[in-house]
Amino acid sequence: MPGLRPAGAPPVPITVPDLPEKLPWKMVNGAKEFHIRCTPVQREFLPGLYMDVWGYNGLMPGPTIEAVEGDRVRLVVHNDLPESTTVHWHGLEMPIRFDGIPGVTQPPIRPGATFTSEFDLHQNGTFFYHSHDAMQEGIGMVGLFIIYPKQAHEPRVDRDFVLLSQEWAVLPGATIPNTMSMEFNLFTFNGRSGPYVTPLVCKLGERVRIRFVNFSAIDHHPFHLHGHTFWVTGTEAGRIPPSAWIPGNTVLVGVAQVREIEFIANNVGDWPLHCHMFHHMMNFMSTMVGPMGGHTVQGMRAGQSSTGGMGIATGGPALSSEAFGPSLGRSMGEQTSMDRAVGNMTVMPPGVGGHGMHGATRRRVPGSPVGMLDMPVDLAPEQLRKLNKGETRGMRRDWYTGVEGLFTVVRVLPPDLFEQVMSGRGDVPPGASIPGGESAPPTPGGHHHHSG
């Protein structure tokens, strides 16, 4: 099914939400020359939450490299880090001396040194570049490498988005991710976590491509799109022949894989797009420090072994605090210990019962409260300003209360509303993009921020 783009049009440039920077280049001796600097970075994962990570050219993920099939590229890597590094061009076919594997194909790039790779591009598709040191990968050293075909693939797309997923272990009070951890509690698209991820805005009737890149450490992600059926049209190795396209609404993207999907935006509304792993739709799944819901839980103890600190069970009694106690991980007793009742916030003291239901009723229901939907969301004006960016104009009030982790929104708007939202002109009432608008009344006792 074609979209709105006319025949003969060149490939549409990609859009990378929250990472618009493209790596500049200049033609030098017949090659497109790019300069890549390996640098420490401070990245705002959520409004006001800045993490100390590493990346390229002051960005994490690094700036996107764009080229065209048939180009000759020269990639000059400058190491501004305090330790050695290399850069691997993931999925690209080039002379082995440029593959970027320290000790195997080249010496490490020492601090203050440079290394230059130069080769011809004979592929097209979604690729990426990253350090080939595991700890450096875990602290953010990755960037997109997009190679456009000489002529646009058929049928031509009108919009082309890229979402690069990563996962992080962030302990309470920390600003540096724990790269030794194999358990994760914060998930990002293009370096930001929902609801801080900018929505993907498209026009009714357009053909849309979304390129998923999974740079997570160990987790695969089943990405699910609401309200539409798509076709899987590409992988990290390039375009899939149309006869092998697979229809679906959920696509599993494994670690280091790419999956490209295409669909016709034929259903008006603000449609969730998210990883369907339950815990990947949350932020900060770690043992809390201090009171939570009227009872106290314990923080992580200092001096644990590496396995204990990563939440890996090592045996012992069922309620052993060493094996199953407070941790960041998937252990059986997250937020439990020998001196606390085991349960999912079931035992609530008098007077504590949440906001969406009467407290007394909730206390009579085993397992309640389980979710966070009825808890108040009190955000500072500056946080609200950052969340309610131009691309969210016309979304329902408090839209951000249902968005966390690997979660964003695909907005399919009628042409007139699309132009109004994207131009920033005029008043767009909350709920304008949902047929029926703000039809649902506030939940009794709930907290609504009228930020539209």
Protein backbone atom coordinates (compact mmCIF):
# COMPACT_ATOMS: atom_id res chain seq x y z
CA MET A 1 0.00 0.00 0.00
CA PRO A 2 1.54 3.33 -1.04
CA GLY A 3 1.56 6.42 1.11
CA LEU A 4 1.43 10.05 0.03
CA ARG A 5 4.97 10.49 -1.33
CA PRO A 6 5.06 10.81 -5.13
CA ALA A 7 6.83 8.31 -7.36
CA GLY A 8 10.42 9.21 -8.18
CA ALA A 9 11.03 11.05 -4.92
CA PRO A 10 14.38 10.43 -3.19
CA PRO A 11 14.57 8.65 0.17
CA VAL A 12 13.04 10.72 2.95
CA PRO A 13 15.57 11.76 5.64
CA ILE A 14 15.28 9.98 8.96
CA THR A 15 13.91 11.58 12.11
CA VAL A 16 15.58 10.61 15.39
CA PRO A 17 13.35 11.90 18.22
CA ASP A 18 15.31 13.65 20.98
CA LEU A 19 18.52 13.25 18.99
CA PRO A 20 18.28 15.56 15.98
CA GLU A 21 22.02 16.08 15.65
CA LYS A 22 23.61 14.65 12.49
CA LEU A 23 27.38 14.29 12.27
CA PRO A 24 28.70 16.91 9.82
CA TRP A 25 31.07 15.94 7.03
CA LYS A 26 33.13 17.57 4.31
CA MET A 27 34.45 16.16 1.06
CA VAL A 28 38.22 15.61 1.29
CA ASN A 29 40.13 13.87 -1.50
CA GLY A 30 37.09 12.08 -2.84
CA ALA A 31 35.70 10.86 0.51
CA LYS A 32 33.08 12.12 2.93
CA GLU A 33 35.19 12.83 6.02
CA PHE A 34 33.56 12.56 9.45
CA HIS A 35 35.25 13.41 12.75
CA ILE A 36 34.09 11.45 15.79
CA ARG A 37 35.22 12.41 19.29
CA CYS A 38 34.89 9.95 22.18
CA THR A 39 33.80 12.06 25.15
CA PRO A 40 32.16 12.00 28.58
CA VAL A 41 28.54 13.16 28.40
CA GLN A 42 25.85 14.30 30.81
CA ARG A 43 22.45 13.18 29.48
CA GLU A 44 19.02 14.13 30.83
CA PHE A 45 17.15 10.80 30.93
CA LEU A 46 14.04 12.31 32.58
CA PRO A 47 13.21 15.96 33.37
CA GLY A 48 15.82 17.01 35.91
CA LEU A 49 17.50 13.57 36.01
CA TYR A 50 20.99 13.90 34.56
CA MET A 51 23.18 10.82 34.20
CA ASP A 52 26.96 10.77 33.74
CA VAL A 53 27.60 8.56 30.71
CA TRP A 54 30.02 8.36 27.78
CA GLY A 55 29.28 9.01 24.14
CA TYR A 56 30.47 10.82 21.04
CA ASN A 57 30.84 14.52 20.26
CA GLY A 58 29.21 15.43 23.56
CA LEU A 59 26.08 13.37 22.86
CA MET A 60 24.66 10.05 24.04
CA PRO A 61 23.70 8.31 21.83
CA GLY A 62 26.24 9.90 19.52
CA PRO A 63 25.31 11.99 16.48
CA THR A 64 23.86 10.10 13.53
CA ILE A 65 26.15 9.37 10.59
CA GLU A 66 24.28 9.64 7.28
CA ALA A 67 25.66 8.45 3.95
CA VAL A 68 24.45 7.07 0.64
CA GLU A 69 25.13 3.66 -0.86
CA GLY A 70 28.22 3.99 -3.03
CA ASP A 71 29.85 6.74 -0.94
CA ARG A 72 33.45 6.53 0.14
CA VAL A 73 33.72 7.53 3.81
CA ARG A 74 36.65 8.53 5.98
CA LEU A 75 35.96 8.16 9.72
CA VAL A 76 38.47 9.91 11.97
CA VAL A 77 38.11 8.84 15.62
CA HIS A 78 39.60 11.12 18.29
CA ASN A 79 39.90 9.65 21.78
CA ASP A 80 39.19 12.31 24.41
CA LEU A 81 38.56 9.71 27.13
CA PRO A 82 40.88 8.89 30.05
CA GLU A 83 41.34 5.33 28.76
CA SER A 84 41.84 3.51 25.48
CA THR A 85 38.95 2.77 23.15
CA THR A 86 38.05 1.63 19.63
CA VAL A 87 35.02 2.07 17.36
CA HIS A 88 33.31 -0.85 15.61
CA TRP A 89 31.11 -0.18 12.56
CA HIS A 90 28.34 -2.64 13.36
CA GLY A 91 27.07 -4.61 10.37
CA LEU A 92 29.24 -2.87 7.78
CA GLU A 93 31.39 -4.84 5.38
CA MET A 94 34.82 -3.25 5.10
CA PRO A 95 38.53 -4.21 5.18
CA ILE A 96 39.28 -6.08 8.39
CA ARG A 97 41.85 -3.55 9.58
CA PHE A 98 38.99 -1.08 10.14
CA ASP A 99 36.65 -3.41 12.06
CA GLY A 100 37.61 -1.84 15.40
CA ILE A 101 38.40 -4.86 17.60
CA PRO A 102 41.30 -4.03 19.96
CA GLY A 103 44.12 -6.54 19.80
CA VAL A 104 42.48 -8.53 17.01
CA THR A 105 42.26 -6.06 14.12
CA GLN A 106 44.02 -2.96 15.48
CA PRO A 107 45.79 -1.58 18.55
CA PRO A 108 43.64 0.34 21.05
CA ILE A 109 43.27 4.06 20.44
CA ARG A 110 45.13 5.55 23.39
CA PRO A 111 43.93 8.70 25.19
CA GLY A 112 44.66 11.72 23.01
CA ALA A 113 45.30 9.61 19.90
CA THR A 114 43.32 9.22 16.66
CA PHE A 115 42.54 6.37 14.29
CA THR A 116 41.25 6.73 10.72
CA SER A 117 39.12 4.24 8.80
CA GLU A 118 38.37 4.71 5.09
CA PHE A 119 36.26 2.44 2.89
CA ASP A 120 33.47 2.31 0.32
CA LEU A 121 29.84 1.70 1.27
CA HIS A 122 28.11 -0.94 -0.83
CA GLN A 123 25.21 -1.63 1.55
CA ASN A 124 22.13 0.33 2.57
CA GLY A 125 20.02 0.15 5.70
CA THR A 126 20.17 0.74 9.45
CA PHE A 127 23.57 0.27 11.05
CA PHE A 128 25.31 1.69 14.10
CA TYR A 129 28.74 2.39 15.54
CA HIS A 130 29.94 1.61 19.06
CA SER A 131 32.94 0.97 21.24
CA HIS A 132 34.09 -2.63 21.37
CA ASP A 133 34.88 -2.48 25.07
CA ALA A 134 32.01 -4.04 27.04
CA MET A 135 32.04 -1.54 29.91
CA GLN A 136 32.18 1.39 27.49
CA GLU A 137 29.23 -0.02 25.58
CA GLY A 138 27.38 -0.35 28.88
CA ILE A 139 27.94 3.31 29.73
CA GLY A 140 26.51 4.57 26.45
CA MET A 141 29.05 4.56 23.61
CA VAL A 142 26.83 4.05 20.56
CA GLY A 143 25.52 6.05 17.60
CA LEU A 144 23.43 5.45 14.49
CA PHE A 145 24.94 4.89 11.03
CA ILE A 146 22.26 5.22 8.36
CA ILE A 147 23.05 4.39 4.72
CA TYR A 148 20.36 5.49 2.28
CA PRO A 149 19.77 3.60 -0.96
CA LYS A 150 20.51 5.50 -4.16
CA GLN A 151 16.80 5.37 -4.93
CA ALA A 152 14.04 5.07 -2.36
CA HIS A 153 12.66 1.61 -1.68
CA GLU A 154 9.19 0.89 -3.02
CA PRO A 155 6.64 1.66 -1.80
CA ARG A 156 8.10 4.97 -0.67
CA VAL A 157 7.61 6.06 2.93
CA ASP A 158 6.56 9.56 3.93
CA ARG A 159 8.17 9.46 7.38
CA ASP A 160 11.16 7.52 8.64
CA PHE A 161 11.79 7.35 12.42
CA VAL A 162 14.58 5.66 14.37
CA LEU A 163 14.32 4.44 18.00
CA LEU A 164 17.50 3.14 19.66
CA SER A 165 16.86 1.30 22.93
CA GLN A 166 19.26 0.98 25.88
CA GLU A 167 18.95 -0.23 29.47
CA TRP A 168 20.62 1.01 32.63
CA ALA A 169 21.18 -0.08 36.22
CA VAL A 170 20.89 3.04 38.37
CA LEU A 171 21.13 2.57 42.11
CA PRO A 172 19.42 5.04 44.48
CA GLY A 173 21.23 8.37 44.56
CA ALA A 174 23.64 7.45 41.76
CA THR A 175 24.36 9.46 38.62
CA ILE A 176 26.69 6.89 37.06
CA PRO A 177 25.09 3.69 35.68
CA ASN A 178 26.35 0.46 37.19
CA THR A 179 27.94 -1.21 34.17
CA MET A 180 28.73 -4.34 36.22
CA SER A 181 25.04 -5.06 36.73
CA MET A 182 23.08 -7.62 34.75
CA GLU A 183 19.78 -6.24 36.06
CA PHE A 184 18.25 -3.00 34.85
CA ASN A 185 15.71 -0.51 36.15
CA LEU A 186 15.79 2.36 33.66
CA PHE A 187 15.13 2.06 29.93
CA THR A 188 15.63 4.66 27.20
CA PHE A 189 14.75 5.40 23.59
CA ASN A 190 17.40 7.64 22.00
CA GLY A 191 18.78 8.47 25.44
CA ARG A 192 15.49 9.40 27.12
CA SER A 193 12.98 7.44 29.14
CA GLY A 194 9.20 7.68 28.85
CA PRO A 195 7.40 10.02 29.27
CA TYR A 196 10.32 12.24 28.22
CA VAL A 197 10.51 10.54 24.79
CA THR A 198 9.16 12.85 22.09
CA PRO A 199 6.10 11.39 20.31
CA LEU A 200 6.32 10.29 16.67
CA VAL A 201 3.93 12.63 14.82
CA CYS A 202 2.60 11.71 11.39
CA LYS A 203 -0.24 12.68 9.09
CA LEU A 204 -3.30 10.56 8.35
CA GLY A 205 -2.72 8.47 5.23
CA GLU A 206 1.08 8.59 5.32
CA ARG A 207 3.25 5.51 5.00
CA VAL A 208 5.55 5.38 8.03
CA ARG A 209 8.77 3.46 8.68
CA ILE A 210 10.12 2.92 12.18
CA ARG A 211 13.61 1.50 12.61
CA PHE A 212 14.14 -0.22 15.97
CA VAL A 213 17.76 -0.62 17.09
CA ASN A 214 18.31 -2.69 20.25
CA PHE A 215 21.54 -1.73 22.02
CA SER A 216 20.47 -3.25 25.33
CA ALA A 217 22.93 -5.34 27.30
CA ILE A 218 20.96 -8.58 27.68
CA ASP A 219 17.26 -7.94 27.10
CA HIS A 220 15.28 -8.52 23.94
CA HIS A 221 12.29 -6.25 23.38
CA PRO A 222 8.88 -7.13 21.86
CA PHE A 223 7.84 -3.73 20.53
CA HIS A 224 4.07 -3.37 20.18
CA LEU A 225 2.18 -0.72 18.21
CA HIS A 226 -1.46 -0.05 19.07
CA GLY A 227 -4.18 0.53 16.51
CA HIS A 228 -2.26 -0.48 13.38
CA THR A 229 -0.96 -3.52 11.51
CA PHE A 230 2.58 -3.23 10.16
CA TRP A 231 4.93 -5.22 7.97
CA VAL A 232 8.48 -6.16 9.02
CA THR A 233 10.51 -4.95 6.03
CA GLY A 234 14.15 -4.86 7.16
CA THR A 235 16.80 -6.16 9.57
CA GLU A 236 20.29 -5.13 10.62
CA ALA A 237 21.46 -6.65 7.32
CA GLY A 238 19.22 -4.48 5.13
CA ARG A 239 15.98 -4.74 3.18
CA ILE A 240 13.88 -7.90 3.29
CA PRO A 241 12.43 -9.02 -0.09
CA PRO A 242 8.72 -8.08 -0.17
CA SER A 243 7.74 -11.73 -0.59
CA ALA A 244 9.17 -12.39 2.90
CA TRP A 245 7.58 -9.43 4.72
CA ILE A 246 5.74 -10.45 7.87
CA PRO A 247 2.58 -8.71 9.10
CA GLY A 248 2.08 -8.06 12.79
CA ASN A 249 1.58 -5.52 15.54
CA THR A 250 4.43 -6.76 17.77
CA VAL A 251 7.99 -7.38 16.65
CA LEU A 252 10.72 -9.00 18.76
CA VAL A 253 14.03 -7.14 18.48
CA GLY A 254 16.95 -9.06 19.94
CA VAL A 255 20.12 -7.60 21.39
CA ALA A 256 22.25 -5.98 18.64
CA GLN A 257 19.45 -6.48 16.12
CA VAL A 258 17.54 -4.04 13.92
CA ARG A 259 13.96 -4.45 12.79
CA GLU A 260 12.34 -2.03 10.37
CA ILE A 261 8.56 -1.87 10.24
CA GLU A 262 6.25 -0.03 7.83
CA PHE A 263 2.55 0.77 8.09
CA ILE A 264 -0.11 3.11 6.77
CA ALA A 265 -1.13 5.66 9.39
CA ASN A 266 -4.84 5.10 8.77
CA ASN A 267 -6.24 5.32 12.31
CA VAL A 268 -6.51 8.77 13.92
CA GLY A 269 -5.36 9.09 17.52
CA ASP A 270 -2.43 8.96 19.92
CA TRP A 271 -1.30 5.33 19.76
CA PRO A 272 1.07 3.79 22.34
CA LEU A 273 4.26 2.19 21.07
CA HIS A 274 6.13 0.28 23.74
CA CYS A 275 8.08 -2.77 24.75
CA HIS A 276 5.59 -5.34 26.00
CA MET A 277 7.90 -6.67 28.73
CA PHE A 278 5.98 -5.52 31.81
CA HIS A 279 9.02 -4.34 33.73
CA HIS A 280 10.29 -2.43 30.72
CA MET A 281 7.27 -0.12 31.00
CA MET A 282 8.47 1.13 34.39
CA ASN A 283 11.17 3.43 35.69
CA PHE A 284 13.41 2.89 38.71
CA MET A 285 12.55 -0.64 39.79
CA SER A 286 14.95 -0.71 42.69
CA THR A 287 14.64 -1.08 46.40
CA MET A 288 13.49 2.25 47.76
CA VAL A 289 15.18 4.15 50.54
CA GLY A 290 12.75 5.52 53.10
CA PRO A 291 8.97 5.23 53.39
CA MET A 292 6.85 4.04 50.50
CA GLY A 293 3.09 3.59 50.74
CA GLY A 294 3.12 3.86 54.52
CA HIS A 295 5.75 1.22 55.23
CA THR A 296 9.52 1.19 55.20
CA VAL A 297 11.77 -0.87 52.96
CA GLN A 298 15.50 -1.26 53.19
CA GLY A 299 18.14 0.01 50.82
CA MET A 300 20.97 -2.12 49.48
CA ARG A 301 23.61 -3.04 52.00
CA ALA A 302 27.18 -2.06 51.32
CA GLY A 303 29.88 -4.68 51.03
CA GLN A 304 27.92 -7.35 49.17
CA SER A 305 29.57 -9.63 46.66
CA SER A 306 29.22 -8.79 42.97
CA THR A 307 26.57 -11.48 42.55
CA GLY A 308 24.61 -10.21 45.53
CA GLY A 309 24.82 -6.63 44.31
CA MET A 310 23.46 -7.69 40.94
CA GLY A 311 20.49 -9.44 42.52
CA ILE A 312 21.59 -12.95 41.59
CA ALA A 313 20.30 -15.60 43.96
CA THR A 314 23.10 -17.69 45.42
CA GLY A 315 21.11 -20.13 47.54
CA GLY A 316 20.17 -20.27 51.17
CA PRO A 317 16.75 -20.16 52.88
CA ALA A 318 13.79 -18.83 50.94
CA LEU A 319 13.91 -15.53 52.82
CA SER A 320 17.67 -15.26 53.00
CA SER A 321 18.52 -11.58 52.83
CA GLU A 322 21.74 -12.40 51.00
CA ALA A 323 20.08 -14.44 48.25
CA PHE A 324 16.62 -12.93 48.02
CA GLY A 325 16.86 -9.64 49.87
CA PRO A 326 16.74 -6.05 48.63
CA SER A 327 18.37 -5.74 45.23
CA LEU A 328 18.11 -4.18 41.83
CA GLY A 329 17.35 -7.39 40.08
CA ARG A 330 14.87 -10.09 39.26
CA SER A 331 15.39 -12.02 42.49
CA MET A 332 12.32 -13.55 44.09
CA GLY A 333 12.27 -11.13 46.97
CA GLU A 334 12.71 -7.68 45.52
CA GLN A 335 11.94 -5.14 48.24
CA THR A 336 11.68 -7.92 50.83
CA SER A 337 13.96 -9.15 53.57
CA MET A 338 13.87 -11.46 56.57
CA ASP A 339 12.47 -8.74 58.82
CA ARG A 340 9.62 -7.67 56.52
CA ALA A 341 6.41 -9.38 55.52
CA VAL A 342 6.66 -10.92 52.05
CA GLY A 343 4.09 -9.48 49.67
CA ASN A 344 3.33 -6.96 47.01
CA MET A 345 2.31 -3.97 49.17
CA THR A 346 -0.63 -6.00 50.44
CA VAL A 347 -0.61 -5.14 54.14
CA MET A 348 -1.57 -1.48 54.41
CA PRO A 349 -1.83 0.37 57.71
CA PRO A 350 -5.07 2.20 58.61
CA GLY A 351 -5.61 5.35 56.62
CA VAL A 352 -3.37 4.33 53.70
CA GLY A 353 -5.24 3.16 50.67
CA GLY A 354 -4.50 5.14 47.52
CA HIS A 355 -6.59 7.64 45.62
CA GLY A 356 -8.67 5.96 42.92
CA MET A 357 -10.54 3.61 45.31
CA HIS A 358 -11.55 4.03 48.94
CA GLY A 359 -8.71 2.96 51.17
CA ALA A 360 -10.83 0.54 53.18
CA THR A 361 -11.95 -1.22 50.01
CA ARG A 362 -8.44 -1.55 48.68
CA ARG A 363 -7.17 -3.03 51.92
CA ARG A 364 -9.75 -5.82 51.62
CA VAL A 365 -8.48 -6.81 48.15
CA PRO A 366 -5.35 -8.99 48.27
CA GLY A 367 -2.53 -7.51 46.25
CA SER A 368 -3.92 -3.97 46.19
CA PRO A 369 -2.46 -1.52 45.57
CA VAL A 370 -0.35 -3.19 42.90
CA GLY A 371 -0.10 -0.54 40.20
CA MET A 372 0.76 3.13 40.23
CA LEU A 373 -2.16 4.46 38.17
CA ASP A 374 -4.08 5.89 41.13
CA MET A 375 -1.10 7.45 42.85
CA PRO A 376 -0.75 11.23 42.68
CA VAL A 377 1.73 12.65 40.18
CA ASP A 378 3.13 15.91 41.46
CA LEU A 379 5.51 17.45 38.94
CA ALA A 380 7.31 20.75 39.18
CA PRO A 381 6.39 23.40 36.58
CA GLU A 382 9.78 22.98 34.90
CA GLN A 383 9.24 19.22 34.57
CA LEU A 384 5.78 19.79 33.08
CA ARG A 385 7.20 22.28 30.62
CA LYS A 386 9.77 19.77 29.41
CA LEU A 387 7.21 16.98 29.05
CA ASN A 388 4.59 19.11 27.29
CA LYS A 389 6.72 19.95 24.27
CA GLY A 390 5.33 21.04 20.91
CA GLU A 391 4.85 17.49 19.63
CA THR A 392 2.44 16.78 22.53
CA ARG A 393 0.03 19.65 21.75
CA GLY A 394 -3.54 18.34 21.65
CA MET A 395 -2.85 15.19 23.68
CA ARG A 396 -5.08 14.46 26.67
CA ARG A 397 -4.34 16.13 29.97
CA ASP A 398 -1.97 14.07 32.10
CA TRP A 399 -1.06 11.85 29.13
CA TYR A 400 2.36 11.36 30.70
CA THR A 401 0.94 9.46 33.71
CA GLY A 402 0.53 6.34 31.53
CA VAL A 403 3.95 6.47 29.86
CA GLU A 404 7.15 5.08 31.39
CA GLY A 405 10.31 3.28 30.33
CA LEU A 406 10.49 1.96 26.76
CA PHE A 407 7.28 3.70 25.83
CA THR A 408 6.38 6.44 23.39
CA VAL A 409 3.34 7.53 21.36
CA VAL A 410 2.67 7.49 17.62
CA ARG A 411 0.35 10.38 16.85
CA VAL A 412 -1.77 10.02 13.69
CA LEU A 413 -3.35 13.40 13.01
CA PRO A 414 -5.73 14.72 10.34
CA PRO A 415 -3.86 17.08 7.96
CA ASP A 416 -5.23 20.31 9.43
CA LEU A 417 -4.50 19.27 13.02
CA PHE A 418 -1.07 17.97 11.99
CA GLU A 419 -0.15 21.36 10.52
CA GLN A 420 -1.45 23.17 13.59
CA VAL A 421 0.46 20.95 16.03
CA MET A 422 3.73 20.93 14.12
CA SER A 423 3.69 24.66 13.28
CA GLY A 424 3.06 25.66 16.89
CA ARG A 425 0.44 28.16 15.78
CA GLY A 426 -2.96 28.62 17.37
CA ASP A 427 -4.55 26.99 20.40
CA VAL A 428 -4.87 23.20 20.34
CA PRO A 429 -7.23 22.05 23.12
CA PRO A 430 -6.29 18.99 25.21
CA GLY A 431 -7.64 15.79 23.69
CA ALA A 432 -7.99 17.26 20.19
CA SER A 433 -6.23 14.25 18.67
CA ILE A 434 -8.56 11.72 20.33
CA PRO A 435 -12.00 11.38 18.73
CA GLY A 436 -14.32 12.62 21.47
CA GLY A 437 -11.59 14.78 23.01
CA GLU A 438 -11.56 15.14 26.77
CA SER A 439 -14.65 12.97 27.17
CA ALA A 440 -13.55 11.09 30.26
CA PRO A 441 -14.15 12.97 33.53
CA PRO A 442 -11.38 13.07 36.14
CA THR A 443 -11.24 10.08 38.44
CA PRO A 444 -12.93 10.94 41.77
CA GLY A 445 -10.20 11.89 44.18
CA GLY A 446 -7.61 11.79 41.42
CA HIS A 447 -4.98 14.43 40.72
CA HIS A 448 -5.13 16.07 37.30
CA HIS A 449 -2.63 18.60 36.04
CA HIS A 450 -4.26 20.77 33.37
CA SER A 451 -1.11 21.28 31.38
CA GLY A 452 -2.47 21.17 27.81
